[in-house]
Every structure is written in C-alpha cells, then in structure tokens.
Amino acid sequence: MRRLILSGVLTPDGKTTVKKRTKKELKKPSMYKVIMLNDNYTTMEFVTDILKNIFRKSAREATEIMLSIHNKGSGVAGIYAYDIALTKVKQVHDEAAKNGFPLKCILEKE
C-alpha cells in the first residue's frame, strides 16, 4: 500500500511549490501459533523445560501450558512471525531428538 504525501516548500521568490511523493507502508507480518502436541513418551518435565528454555516462559506459565498439552492434546507455546515460529519448531524438534523424545510442534496461522 502506498500513501500520498504532499508538502509545501517556499521558494526564494516567495512562491509556494507543492512536492508530491509517495511513501510505501509496510504491512505487519502474518503471525503463527506454535502448537505443541501431546504424546505418550515425552515427559512432562521435559516439556516444561522446553517451554522455559526455548519459549522463555516462566515456571508457572510453562506448567500451565504443559498441563494443557497433557490434558487437551495440544497447547500454544507462543505466537510469532513465520521465520521465528519456524525456528522455534526446529529448536524443539532438535532438542527432543537429542534427548530421545518424539515431541512435535506444528504451526498454525493466526
């Protein structure tokens, strides 16, 4: 989207000239939910640690999200721009694999 901007300039001979320019407006990036999925093998402690370390949640927030994942089958770990959300998902999958857990995350456009 472009926005038209008009500005007046006083010339040395006392006349006013109008300068016209357009300014390109940036649109906000689409946001994505990072949703963690429950499984029967990943420990609640590991999920809580992931939420604290990767998603920077407090101990209380991490516990609440972990319980939602455990009881409802999934929980929102955070909402981010696409590139950041994708990075978070990769970090979770890498850390889970390194520790022998099948923990998975998905992205959902908000």
PDB file of N, CA and C in Angstrom:
ATOM      1  N   MET A   1       0.851  -1.170   0.000  1.00  0.00           N
ATOM      2  CA  MET A   1       0.000   0.000   0.000  1.00  0.00           C
ATOM      3  C   MET A   1       0.895   1.230   0.000  1.00  0.00           C
ATOM      4  N   ARG A   2       0.513   2.209  -0.770  1.00  0.00           N
ATOM      5  CA  ARG A   2       1.270   3.458  -0.836  1.00  0.00           C
ATOM      6  C   ARG A   2       0.403   4.598  -0.320  1.00  0.00           C
ATOM      7  N   ARG A   3       1.056   5.552   0.316  1.00  0.00           N
ATOM      8  CA  ARG A   3       0.351   6.705   0.852  1.00  0.00           C
ATOM      9  C   ARG A   3       0.929   7.948   0.200  1.00  0.00           C
ATOM     10  N   LEU A   4       0.069   8.830  -0.278  1.00  0.00           N
ATOM     11  CA  LEU A   4       0.486  10.066  -0.932  1.00  0.00           C
ATOM     12  C   LEU A   4       0.783  11.106   0.135  1.00  0.00           C
ATOM     13  N   ILE A   5       1.938  11.745   0.004  1.00  0.00           N
ATOM     14  CA  ILE A   5       2.335  12.780   0.953  1.00  0.00           C
ATOM     15  C   ILE A   5       2.581  14.066   0.171  1.00  0.00           C
ATOM     16  N   LEU A   6       1.908  15.131   0.564  1.00  0.00           N
ATOM     17  CA  LEU A   6       2.095  16.440  -0.058  1.00  0.00           C
ATOM     18  C   LEU A   6       2.798  17.343   0.940  1.00  0.00           C
ATOM     19  N   SER A   7       3.772  18.100   0.450  1.00  0.00           N
ATOM     20  CA  SER A   7       4.439  19.051   1.333  1.00  0.00           C
ATOM     21  C   SER A   7       4.695  20.336   0.558  1.00  0.00           C
ATOM     22  N   GLY A   8       4.485  21.447   1.232  1.00  0.00           N
ATOM     23  CA  GLY A   8       4.686  22.752   0.607  1.00  0.00           C
ATOM     24  C   GLY A   8       6.076  23.272   0.897  1.00  0.00           C
ATOM     25  N   VAL A   9       6.689  23.891  -0.118  1.00  0.00           N
ATOM     26  CA  VAL A   9       8.022  24.462   0.025  1.00  0.00           C
ATOM     27  C   VAL A   9       7.970  25.898  -0.468  1.00  0.00           C
ATOM     28  N   LEU A  10       8.484  26.823   0.343  1.00  0.00           N
ATOM     29  CA  LEU A  10       8.529  28.236  -0.027  1.00  0.00           C
ATOM     30  C   LEU A  10       9.809  28.475  -0.826  1.00  0.00           C
ATOM     31  N   THR A  11       9.660  28.979  -2.048  1.00  0.00           N
ATOM     32  CA  THR A  11      10.824  29.248  -2.901  1.00  0.00           C
ATOM     33  C   THR A  11      11.381  30.631  -2.579  1.00  0.00           C
ATOM     34  N   PRO A  12      12.626  30.941  -3.014  1.00  0.00           N
ATOM     35  CA  PRO A  12      13.235  32.242  -2.720  1.00  0.00           C
ATOM     36  C   PRO A  12      12.431  33.426  -3.256  1.00  0.00           C
ATOM     37  N   ASP A  13      11.652  33.236  -4.304  1.00  0.00           N
ATOM     38  CA  ASP A  13      10.870  34.353  -4.852  1.00  0.00           C
ATOM     39  C   ASP A  13       9.512  34.499  -4.162  1.00  0.00           C
ATOM     40  N   GLY A  14       9.296  33.747  -3.058  1.00  0.00           N
ATOM     41  CA  GLY A  14       8.071  33.894  -2.275  1.00  0.00           C
ATOM     42  C   GLY A  14       6.917  33.021  -2.717  1.00  0.00           C
ATOM     43  N   LYS A  15       7.110  32.203  -3.707  1.00  0.00           N
ATOM     44  CA  LYS A  15       6.042  31.316  -4.167  1.00  0.00           C
ATOM     45  C   LYS A  15       6.125  29.981  -3.423  1.00  0.00           C
ATOM     46  N   THR A  16       5.000  29.366  -3.325  1.00  0.00           N
ATOM     47  CA  THR A  16       4.952  28.050  -2.692  1.00  0.00           C
ATOM     48  C   THR A  16       4.811  26.985  -3.769  1.00  0.00           C
ATOM     49  N   THR A  17       5.651  25.986  -3.679  1.00  0.00           N
ATOM     50  CA  THR A  17       5.516  24.850  -4.589  1.00  0.00           C
ATOM     51  C   THR A  17       5.136  23.623  -3.761  1.00  0.00           C
ATOM     52  N   VAL A  18       4.401  22.769  -4.381  1.00  0.00           N
ATOM     53  CA  VAL A  18       3.968  21.553  -3.691  1.00  0.00           C
ATOM     54  C   VAL A  18       4.766  20.382  -4.230  1.00  0.00           C
ATOM     55  N   LYS A  19       5.371  19.664  -3.309  1.00  0.00           N
ATOM     56  CA  LYS A  19       6.097  18.459  -3.692  1.00  0.00           C
ATOM     57  C   LYS A  19       5.214  17.262  -3.367  1.00  0.00           C
ATOM     58  N   LYS A  20       5.157  16.375  -4.314  1.00  0.00           N
ATOM     59  CA  LYS A  20       4.338  15.187  -4.126  1.00  0.00           C
ATOM     60  C   LYS A  20       5.267  13.975  -4.087  1.00  0.00           C
ATOM     61  N   ARG A  21       5.081  13.136  -3.095  1.00  0.00           N
ATOM     62  CA  ARG A  21       5.850  11.899  -3.028  1.00  0.00           C
ATOM     63  C   ARG A  21       4.967  10.821  -2.407  1.00  0.00           C
ATOM     64  N   THR A  22       5.312   9.631  -2.656  1.00  0.00           N
ATOM     65  CA  THR A  22       4.554   8.528  -2.064  1.00  0.00           C
ATOM     66  C   THR A  22       5.442   7.800  -1.072  1.00  0.00           C
ATOM     67  N   LYS A  23       4.816   7.290  -0.060  1.00  0.00           N
ATOM     68  CA  LYS A  23       5.529   6.545   0.963  1.00  0.00           C
ATOM     69  C   LYS A  23       4.926   5.148   1.015  1.00  0.00           C
ATOM     70  N   LYS A  24       5.770   4.167   0.878  1.00  0.00           N
ATOM     71  CA  LYS A  24       5.299   2.791   0.913  1.00  0.00           C
ATOM     72  C   LYS A  24       5.113   2.375   2.373  1.00  0.00           C
ATOM     73  N   GLU A  25       3.917   1.912   2.692  1.00  0.00           N
ATOM     74  CA  GLU A  25       3.645   1.464   4.054  1.00  0.00           C
ATOM     75  C   GLU A  25       3.902  -0.030   4.154  1.00  0.00           C
ATOM     76  N   LEU A  26       4.552  -0.415   5.216  1.00  0.00           N
ATOM     77  CA  LEU A  26       4.822  -1.825   5.451  1.00  0.00           C
ATOM     78  C   LEU A  26       3.630  -2.459   6.142  1.00  0.00           C
ATOM     79  N   LYS A  27       3.273  -3.648   5.691  1.00  0.00           N
ATOM     80  CA  LYS A  27       2.188  -4.333   6.380  1.00  0.00           C
ATOM     81  C   LYS A  27       2.794  -5.251   7.435  1.00  0.00           C
ATOM     82  N   LYS A  28       2.045  -5.473   8.482  1.00  0.00           N
ATOM     83  CA  LYS A  28       2.517  -6.325   9.563  1.00  0.00           C
ATOM     84  C   LYS A  28       2.623  -7.762   9.060  1.00  0.00           C
ATOM     85  N   PRO A  29       3.636  -8.485   9.540  1.00  0.00           N
ATOM     86  CA  PRO A  29       3.784  -9.867   9.088  1.00  0.00           C
ATOM     87  C   PRO A  29       2.669 -10.750   9.655  1.00  0.00           C
ATOM     88  N   SER A  30       2.360 -11.801   8.939  1.00  0.00           N
ATOM     89  CA  SER A  30       1.393 -12.775   9.442  1.00  0.00           C
ATOM     90  C   SER A  30       1.990 -13.447  10.670  1.00  0.00           C
ATOM     91  N   MET A  31       1.150 -13.741  11.626  1.00  0.00           N
ATOM     92  CA  MET A  31       1.603 -14.373  12.859  1.00  0.00           C
ATOM     93  C   MET A  31       1.174 -15.837  12.870  1.00  0.00           C
ATOM     94  N   TYR A  32       2.003 -16.649  13.510  1.00  0.00           N
ATOM     95  CA  TYR A  32       1.763 -18.090  13.559  1.00  0.00           C
ATOM     96  C   TYR A  32       1.847 -18.596  14.993  1.00  0.00           C
ATOM     97  N   LYS A  33       0.899 -19.474  15.338  1.00  0.00           N
ATOM     98  CA  LYS A  33       0.926 -20.136  16.638  1.00  0.00           C
ATOM     99  C   LYS A  33       1.857 -21.334  16.541  1.00  0.00           C
ATOM    100  N   VAL A  34       2.706 -21.493  17.538  1.00  0.00           N
ATOM    101  CA  VAL A  34       3.494 -22.713  17.663  1.00  0.00           C
ATOM    102  C   VAL A  34       2.726 -23.590  18.644  1.00  0.00           C
ATOM    103  N   ILE A  35       2.212 -24.705  18.136  1.00  0.00           N
ATOM    104  CA  ILE A  35       1.376 -25.594  18.941  1.00  0.00           C
ATOM    105  C   ILE A  35       2.157 -26.868  19.235  1.00  0.00           C
ATOM    106  N   MET A  36       2.304 -27.167  20.519  1.00  0.00           N
ATOM    107  CA  MET A  36       2.981 -28.396  20.931  1.00  0.00           C
ATOM    108  C   MET A  36       1.934 -29.493  21.065  1.00  0.00           C
ATOM    109  N   LEU A  37       2.290 -30.687  20.594  1.00  0.00           N
ATOM    110  CA  LEU A  37       1.363 -31.815  20.593  1.00  0.00           C
ATOM    111  C   LEU A  37       1.739 -32.831  21.666  1.00  0.00           C
ATOM    112  N   ASN A  38       0.729 -33.394  22.295  1.00  0.00           N
ATOM    113  CA  ASN A  38       0.944 -34.407  23.320  1.00  0.00           C
ATOM    114  C   ASN A  38       1.342 -35.732  22.679  1.00  0.00           C
ATOM    115  N   ASP A  39       2.153 -36.485  23.397  1.00  0.00           N
ATOM    116  CA  ASP A  39       2.452 -37.863  23.002  1.00  0.00           C
ATOM    117  C   ASP A  39       2.572 -38.685  24.283  1.00  0.00           C
ATOM    118  N   ASN A  40       2.698 -39.981  24.139  1.00  0.00           N
ATOM    119  CA  ASN A  40       2.719 -40.863  25.313  1.00  0.00           C
ATOM    120  C   ASN A  40       4.115 -41.118  25.860  1.00  0.00           C
ATOM    121  N   TYR A  41       5.127 -40.457  25.323  1.00  0.00           N
ATOM    122  CA  TYR A  41       6.500 -40.758  25.719  1.00  0.00           C
ATOM    123  C   TYR A  41       7.269 -39.578  26.300  1.00  0.00           C
ATOM    124  N   THR A  42       7.029 -38.396  25.815  1.00  0.00           N
ATOM    125  CA  THR A  42       7.762 -37.222  26.289  1.00  0.00           C
ATOM    126  C   THR A  42       7.307 -36.885  27.704  1.00  0.00           C
ATOM    127  N   THR A  43       8.270 -36.705  28.596  1.00  0.00           N
ATOM    128  CA  THR A  43       7.921 -36.428  29.993  1.00  0.00           C
ATOM    129  C   THR A  43       7.401 -34.998  30.160  1.00  0.00           C
ATOM    130  N   MET A  44       6.577 -34.833  31.177  1.00  0.00           N
ATOM    131  CA  MET A  44       6.042 -33.501  31.477  1.00  0.00           C
ATOM    132  C   MET A  44       7.174 -32.555  31.863  1.00  0.00           C
ATOM    133  N   GLU A  45       8.171 -33.085  32.550  1.00  0.00           N
ATOM    134  CA  GLU A  45       9.315 -32.267  32.958  1.00  0.00           C
ATOM    135  C   GLU A  45      10.071 -31.741  31.731  1.00  0.00           C
ATOM    136  N   PHE A  46      10.262 -32.597  30.725  1.00  0.00           N
ATOM    137  CA  PHE A  46      10.963 -32.173  29.514  1.00  0.00           C
ATOM    138  C   PHE A  46      10.173 -31.087  28.788  1.00  0.00           C
ATOM    139  N   VAL A  47       8.863 -31.264  28.680  1.00  0.00           N
ATOM    140  CA  VAL A  47       8.014 -30.262  28.019  1.00  0.00           C
ATOM    141  C   VAL A  47       8.117 -28.929  28.754  1.00  0.00           C
ATOM    142  N   THR A  48       8.070 -28.975  30.072  1.00  0.00           N
ATOM    143  CA  THR A  48       8.183 -27.754  30.879  1.00  0.00           C
ATOM    144  C   THR A  48       9.535 -27.082  30.644  1.00  0.00           C
ATOM    145  N   ASP A  49      10.594 -27.873  30.599  1.00  0.00           N
ATOM    146  CA  ASP A  49      11.930 -27.318  30.345  1.00  0.00           C
ATOM    147  C   ASP A  49      12.011 -26.663  28.967  1.00  0.00           C
ATOM    148  N   ILE A  50      11.427 -27.303  27.961  1.00  0.00           N
ATOM    149  CA  ILE A  50      11.406 -26.741  26.603  1.00  0.00           C
ATOM    150  C   ILE A  50      10.678 -25.394  26.605  1.00  0.00           C
ATOM    151  N   LEU A  51       9.544 -25.348  27.277  1.00  0.00           N
ATOM    152  CA  LEU A  51       8.760 -24.105  27.330  1.00  0.00           C
ATOM    153  C   LEU A  51       9.537 -22.987  28.021  1.00  0.00           C
ATOM    154  N   LYS A  52      10.290 -23.331  29.049  1.00  0.00           N
ATOM    155  CA  LYS A  52      11.077 -22.322  29.758  1.00  0.00           C
ATOM    156  C   LYS A  52      12.300 -21.889  28.947  1.00  0.00           C
ATOM    157  N   ASN A  53      12.989 -22.845  28.343  1.00  0.00           N
ATOM    158  CA  ASN A  53      14.260 -22.539  27.683  1.00  0.00           C
ATOM    159  C   ASN A  53      14.117 -22.011  26.257  1.00  0.00           C
ATOM    160  N   ILE A  54      13.234 -22.578  25.486  1.00  0.00           N
ATOM    161  CA  ILE A  54      13.097 -22.151  24.087  1.00  0.00           C
ATOM    162  C   ILE A  54      12.079 -21.029  23.939  1.00  0.00           C
ATOM    163  N   PHE A  55      10.976 -21.133  24.692  1.00  0.00           N
ATOM    164  CA  PHE A  55       9.903 -20.146  24.550  1.00  0.00           C
ATOM    165  C   PHE A  55       9.938 -19.069  25.629  1.00  0.00           C
ATOM    166  N   ARG A  56      10.924 -19.141  26.521  1.00  0.00           N
ATOM    167  CA  ARG A  56      11.133 -18.131  27.572  1.00  0.00           C
ATOM    168  C   ARG A  56       9.899 -17.918  28.454  1.00  0.00           C
ATOM    169  N   LYS A  57       9.230 -19.007  28.794  1.00  0.00           N
ATOM    170  CA  LYS A  57       8.070 -18.938  29.684  1.00  0.00           C
ATOM    171  C   LYS A  57       8.547 -19.031  31.126  1.00  0.00           C
ATOM    172  N   SER A  58       7.799 -18.412  32.026  1.00  0.00           N
ATOM    173  CA  SER A  58       8.092 -18.545  33.452  1.00  0.00           C
ATOM    174  C   SER A  58       7.738 -19.972  33.866  1.00  0.00           C
ATOM    175  N   ALA A  59       8.189 -20.381  35.039  1.00  0.00           N
ATOM    176  CA  ALA A  59       7.882 -21.732  35.526  1.00  0.00           C
ATOM    177  C   ALA A  59       6.372 -21.937  35.604  1.00  0.00           C
ATOM    178  N   ARG A  60       5.665 -20.931  36.052  1.00  0.00           N
ATOM    179  CA  ARG A  60       4.208 -21.036  36.183  1.00  0.00           C
ATOM    180  C   ARG A  60       3.534 -21.167  34.808  1.00  0.00           C
ATOM    181  N   GLU A  61       3.921 -20.287  33.869  1.00  0.00           N
ATOM    182  CA  GLU A  61       3.348 -20.351  32.515  1.00  0.00           C
ATOM    183  C   GLU A  61       3.656 -21.694  31.860  1.00  0.00           C
ATOM    184  N   ALA A  62       4.903 -22.141  32.006  1.00  0.00           N
ATOM    185  CA  ALA A  62       5.320 -23.408  31.401  1.00  0.00           C
ATOM    186  C   ALA A  62       4.498 -24.567  31.951  1.00  0.00           C
ATOM    187  N   THR A  63       4.256 -24.558  33.244  1.00  0.00           N
ATOM    188  CA  THR A  63       3.458 -25.623  33.862  1.00  0.00           C
ATOM    189  C   THR A  63       2.024 -25.587  33.358  1.00  0.00           C
ATOM    190  N   GLU A  64       1.443 -24.392  33.255  1.00  0.00           N
ATOM    191  CA  GLU A  64       0.063 -24.272  32.761  1.00  0.00           C
ATOM    192  C   GLU A  64      -0.058 -24.768  31.318  1.00  0.00           C
ATOM    193  N   ILE A  65       0.886 -24.388  30.469  1.00  0.00           N
ATOM    194  CA  ILE A  65       0.852 -24.828  29.068  1.00  0.00           C
ATOM    195  C   ILE A  65       1.070 -26.335  28.986  1.00  0.00           C
ATOM    196  N   MET A  66       2.025 -26.850  29.768  1.00  0.00           N
ATOM    197  CA  MET A  66       2.304 -28.287  29.778  1.00  0.00           C
ATOM    198  C   MET A  66       1.063 -29.071  30.181  1.00  0.00           C
ATOM    199  N   LEU A  67       0.331 -28.598  31.191  1.00  0.00           N
ATOM    200  CA  LEU A  67      -0.893 -29.288  31.623  1.00  0.00           C
ATOM    201  C   LEU A  67      -1.964 -29.236  30.540  1.00  0.00           C
ATOM    202  N   SER A  68      -2.032 -28.131  29.817  1.00  0.00           N
ATOM    203  CA  SER A  68      -2.971 -28.031  28.701  1.00  0.00           C
ATOM    204  C   SER A  68      -2.616 -29.054  27.623  1.00  0.00           C
ATOM    205  N   ILE A  69      -1.336 -29.167  27.325  1.00  0.00           N
ATOM    206  CA  ILE A  69      -0.877 -30.146  26.333  1.00  0.00           C
ATOM    207  C   ILE A  69      -1.233 -31.554  26.799  1.00  0.00           C
ATOM    208  N   HIS A  70      -0.971 -31.835  28.060  1.00  0.00           N
ATOM    209  CA  HIS A  70      -1.223 -33.164  28.626  1.00  0.00           C
ATOM    210  C   HIS A  70      -2.714 -33.503  28.651  1.00  0.00           C
ATOM    211  N   ASN A  71      -3.536 -32.546  29.065  1.00  0.00           N
ATOM    212  CA  ASN A  71      -4.971 -32.808  29.245  1.00  0.00           C
ATOM    213  C   ASN A  71      -5.798 -32.650  27.972  1.00  0.00           C
ATOM    214  N   LYS A  72      -5.418 -31.718  27.111  1.00  0.00           N
ATOM    215  CA  LYS A  72      -6.224 -31.426  25.918  1.00  0.00           C
ATOM    216  C   LYS A  72      -5.610 -31.956  24.623  1.00  0.00           C
ATOM    217  N   GLY A  73      -4.377 -32.434  24.689  1.00  0.00           N
ATOM    218  CA  GLY A  73      -3.733 -32.972  23.497  1.00  0.00           C
ATOM    219  C   GLY A  73      -2.821 -31.997  22.779  1.00  0.00           C
ATOM    220  N   SER A  74      -2.960 -30.720  23.087  1.00  0.00           N
ATOM    221  CA  SER A  74      -2.089 -29.709  22.477  1.00  0.00           C
ATOM    222  C   SER A  74      -2.163 -28.422  23.289  1.00  0.00           C
ATOM    223  N   GLY A  75      -1.194 -27.552  23.054  1.00  0.00           N
ATOM    224  CA  GLY A  75      -1.178 -26.258  23.728  1.00  0.00           C
ATOM    225  C   GLY A  75      -0.337 -25.272  22.946  1.00  0.00           C
ATOM    226  N   VAL A  76      -0.698 -24.007  23.035  1.00  0.00           N
ATOM    227  CA  VAL A  76       0.022 -22.953  22.314  1.00  0.00           C
ATOM    228  C   VAL A  76       1.239 -22.527  23.138  1.00  0.00           C
ATOM    229  N   ALA A  77       2.411 -22.739  22.554  1.00  0.00           N
ATOM    230  CA  ALA A  77       3.653 -22.366  23.219  1.00  0.00           C
ATOM    231  C   ALA A  77       3.976 -20.891  23.008  1.00  0.00           C
ATOM    232  N   GLY A  78       3.510 -20.331  21.891  1.00  0.00           N
ATOM    233  CA  GLY A  78       3.764 -18.927  21.607  1.00  0.00           C
ATOM    234  C   GLY A  78       3.243 -18.550  20.236  1.00  0.00           C
ATOM    235  N   ILE A  79       3.218 -17.246  19.978  1.00  0.00           N
ATOM    236  CA  ILE A  79       2.753 -16.716  18.695  1.00  0.00           C
ATOM    237  C   ILE A  79       3.847 -15.794  18.166  1.00  0.00           C
ATOM    238  N   TYR A  80       4.298 -16.088  16.938  1.00  0.00           N
ATOM    239  CA  TYR A  80       5.453 -15.395  16.381  1.00  0.00           C
ATOM    240  C   TYR A  80       5.271 -15.149  14.887  1.00  0.00           C
ATOM    241  N   ALA A  81       6.108 -14.281  14.334  1.00  0.00           N
ATOM    242  CA  ALA A  81       6.203 -14.140  12.884  1.00  0.00           C
ATOM    243  C   ALA A  81       6.715 -15.473  12.335  1.00  0.00           C
ATOM    244  N   TYR A  82       6.445 -15.734  11.056  1.00  0.00           N
ATOM    245  CA  TYR A  82       6.702 -17.053  10.468  1.00  0.00           C
ATOM    246  C   TYR A  82       8.133 -17.555  10.687  1.00  0.00           C
ATOM    247  N   ASP A  83       9.129 -16.745  10.365  1.00  0.00           N
ATOM    248  CA  ASP A  83      10.522 -17.197  10.471  1.00  0.00           C
ATOM    249  C   ASP A  83      10.903 -17.558  11.899  1.00  0.00           C
ATOM    250  N   ILE A  84      10.441 -16.762  12.839  1.00  0.00           N
ATOM    251  CA  ILE A  84      10.743 -17.038  14.245  1.00  0.00           C
ATOM    252  C   ILE A  84      10.018 -18.295  14.696  1.00  0.00           C
ATOM    253  N   ALA A  85       8.745 -18.431  14.316  1.00  0.00           N
ATOM    254  CA  ALA A  85       7.966 -19.622  14.678  1.00  0.00           C
ATOM    255  C   ALA A  85       8.627 -20.878  14.121  1.00  0.00           C
ATOM    256  N   LEU A  86       9.064 -20.825  12.884  1.00  0.00           N
ATOM    257  CA  LEU A  86       9.716 -21.973  12.254  1.00  0.00           C
ATOM    258  C   LEU A  86      11.016 -22.332  12.978  1.00  0.00           C
ATOM    259  N   THR A  87      11.762 -21.320  13.385  1.00  0.00           N
ATOM    260  CA  THR A  87      12.995 -21.546  14.138  1.00  0.00           C
ATOM    261  C   THR A  87      12.700 -22.220  15.468  1.00  0.00           C
ATOM    262  N   LYS A  88      11.652 -21.767  16.159  1.00  0.00           N
ATOM    263  CA  LYS A  88      11.274 -22.368  17.445  1.00  0.00           C
ATOM    264  C   LYS A  88      10.909 -23.840  17.263  1.00  0.00           C
ATOM    265  N   VAL A  89      10.140 -24.145  16.217  1.00  0.00           N
ATOM    266  CA  VAL A  89       9.747 -25.534  15.952  1.00  0.00           C
ATOM    267  C   VAL A  89      10.992 -26.388  15.717  1.00  0.00           C
ATOM    268  N   LYS A  90      11.925 -25.882  14.928  1.00  0.00           N
ATOM    269  CA  LYS A  90      13.159 -26.633  14.663  1.00  0.00           C
ATOM    270  C   LYS A  90      13.948 -26.845  15.947  1.00  0.00           C
ATOM    271  N   GLN A  91      14.024 -25.829  16.794  1.00  0.00           N
ATOM    272  CA  GLN A  91      14.747 -25.961  18.059  1.00  0.00           C
ATOM    273  C   GLN A  91      14.113 -27.037  18.937  1.00  0.00           C
ATOM    274  N   VAL A  92      12.780 -27.054  18.996  1.00  0.00           N
ATOM    275  CA  VAL A  92      12.077 -28.064  19.798  1.00  0.00           C
ATOM    276  C   VAL A  92      12.363 -29.454  19.246  1.00  0.00           C
ATOM    277  N   HIS A  93      12.206 -29.630  17.940  1.00  0.00           N
ATOM    278  CA  HIS A  93      12.422 -30.945  17.330  1.00  0.00           C
ATOM    279  C   HIS A  93      13.865 -31.420  17.520  1.00  0.00           C
ATOM    280  N   ASP A  94      14.827 -30.513  17.376  1.00  0.00           N
ATOM    281  CA  ASP A  94      16.236 -30.872  17.565  1.00  0.00           C
ATOM    282  C   ASP A  94      16.516 -31.285  19.004  1.00  0.00           C
ATOM    283  N   GLU A  95      16.009 -30.508  19.949  1.00  0.00           N
ATOM    284  CA  GLU A  95      16.237 -30.800  21.371  1.00  0.00           C
ATOM    285  C   GLU A  95      15.546 -32.102  21.774  1.00  0.00           C
ATOM    286  N   ALA A  96      14.338 -32.321  21.275  1.00  0.00           N
ATOM    287  CA  ALA A  96      13.607 -33.559  21.580  1.00  0.00           C
ATOM    288  C   ALA A  96      14.360 -34.768  21.023  1.00  0.00           C
ATOM    289  N   ALA A  97      14.811 -34.679  19.785  1.00  0.00           N
ATOM    290  CA  ALA A  97      15.546 -35.794  19.173  1.00  0.00           C
ATOM    291  C   ALA A  97      16.841 -36.077  19.933  1.00  0.00           C
ATOM    292  N   LYS A  98      17.525 -35.018  20.331  1.00  0.00           N
ATOM    293  CA  LYS A  98      18.780 -35.161  21.072  1.00  0.00           C
ATOM    294  C   LYS A  98      18.565 -35.896  22.394  1.00  0.00           C
ATOM    295  N   ASN A  99      17.374 -35.717  22.978  1.00  0.00           N
ATOM    296  CA  ASN A  99      17.054 -36.338  24.263  1.00  0.00           C
ATOM    297  C   ASN A  99      16.203 -37.598  24.121  1.00  0.00           C
ATOM    298  N   GLY A 100      15.971 -38.044  22.890  1.00  0.00           N
ATOM    299  CA  GLY A 100      15.252 -39.293  22.664  1.00  0.00           C
ATOM    300  C   GLY A 100      13.745 -39.216  22.833  1.00  0.00           C
ATOM    301  N   PHE A 101      13.169 -38.028  22.646  1.00  0.00           N
ATOM    302  CA  PHE A 101      11.718 -37.863  22.772  1.00  0.00           C
ATOM    303  C   PHE A 101      11.096 -37.568  21.405  1.00  0.00           C
ATOM    304  N   PRO A 102       9.848 -38.021  21.202  1.00  0.00           N
ATOM    305  CA  PRO A 102       9.165 -37.769  19.924  1.00  0.00           C
ATOM    306  C   PRO A 102       8.331 -36.485  19.911  1.00  0.00           C
ATOM    307  N   LEU A 103       8.614 -35.549  20.801  1.00  0.00           N
ATOM    308  CA  LEU A 103       7.833 -34.319  20.921  1.00  0.00           C
ATOM    309  C   LEU A 103       7.764 -33.585  19.584  1.00  0.00           C
ATOM    310  N   LYS A 104       6.572 -33.174  19.210  1.00  0.00           N
ATOM    311  CA  LYS A 104       6.355 -32.475  17.943  1.00  0.00           C
ATOM    312  C   LYS A 104       5.611 -31.166  18.164  1.00  0.00           C
ATOM    313  N   CYS A 105       5.881 -30.223  17.267  1.00  0.00           N
ATOM    314  CA  CYS A 105       5.182 -28.941  17.230  1.00  0.00           C
ATOM    315  C   CYS A 105       4.673 -28.726  15.816  1.00  0.00           C
ATOM    316  N   ILE A 106       3.610 -27.968  15.706  1.00  0.00           N
ATOM    317  CA  ILE A 106       3.102 -27.572  14.398  1.00  0.00           C
ATOM    318  C   ILE A 106       2.887 -26.063  14.397  1.00  0.00           C
ATOM    319  N   LEU A 107       2.784 -25.500  13.205  1.00  0.00           N
ATOM    320  CA  LEU A 107       2.470 -24.079  13.052  1.00  0.00           C
ATOM    321  C   LEU A 107       1.038 -23.949  12.580  1.00  0.00           C
ATOM    322  N   GLU A 108       0.372 -22.930  13.082  1.00  0.00           N
ATOM    323  CA  GLU A 108      -0.988 -22.626  12.632  1.00  0.00           C
ATOM    324  C   GLU A 108      -1.084 -21.120  12.462  1.00  0.00           C
ATOM    325  N   LYS A 109      -1.478 -20.687  11.264  1.00  0.00           N
ATOM    326  CA  LYS A 109      -1.601 -19.256  11.006  1.00  0.00           C
ATOM    327  C   LYS A 109      -2.710 -18.682  11.873  1.00  0.00           C
ATOM    328  N   GLU A 110      -2.418 -17.536  12.469  1.00  0.00           N
ATOM    329  CA  GLU A 110      -3.399 -16.915  13.360  1.00  0.00           C
ATOM    330  C   GLU A 110      -4.416 -16.134  12.575  1.00  0.00           C
TER     331      GLU A 110
END
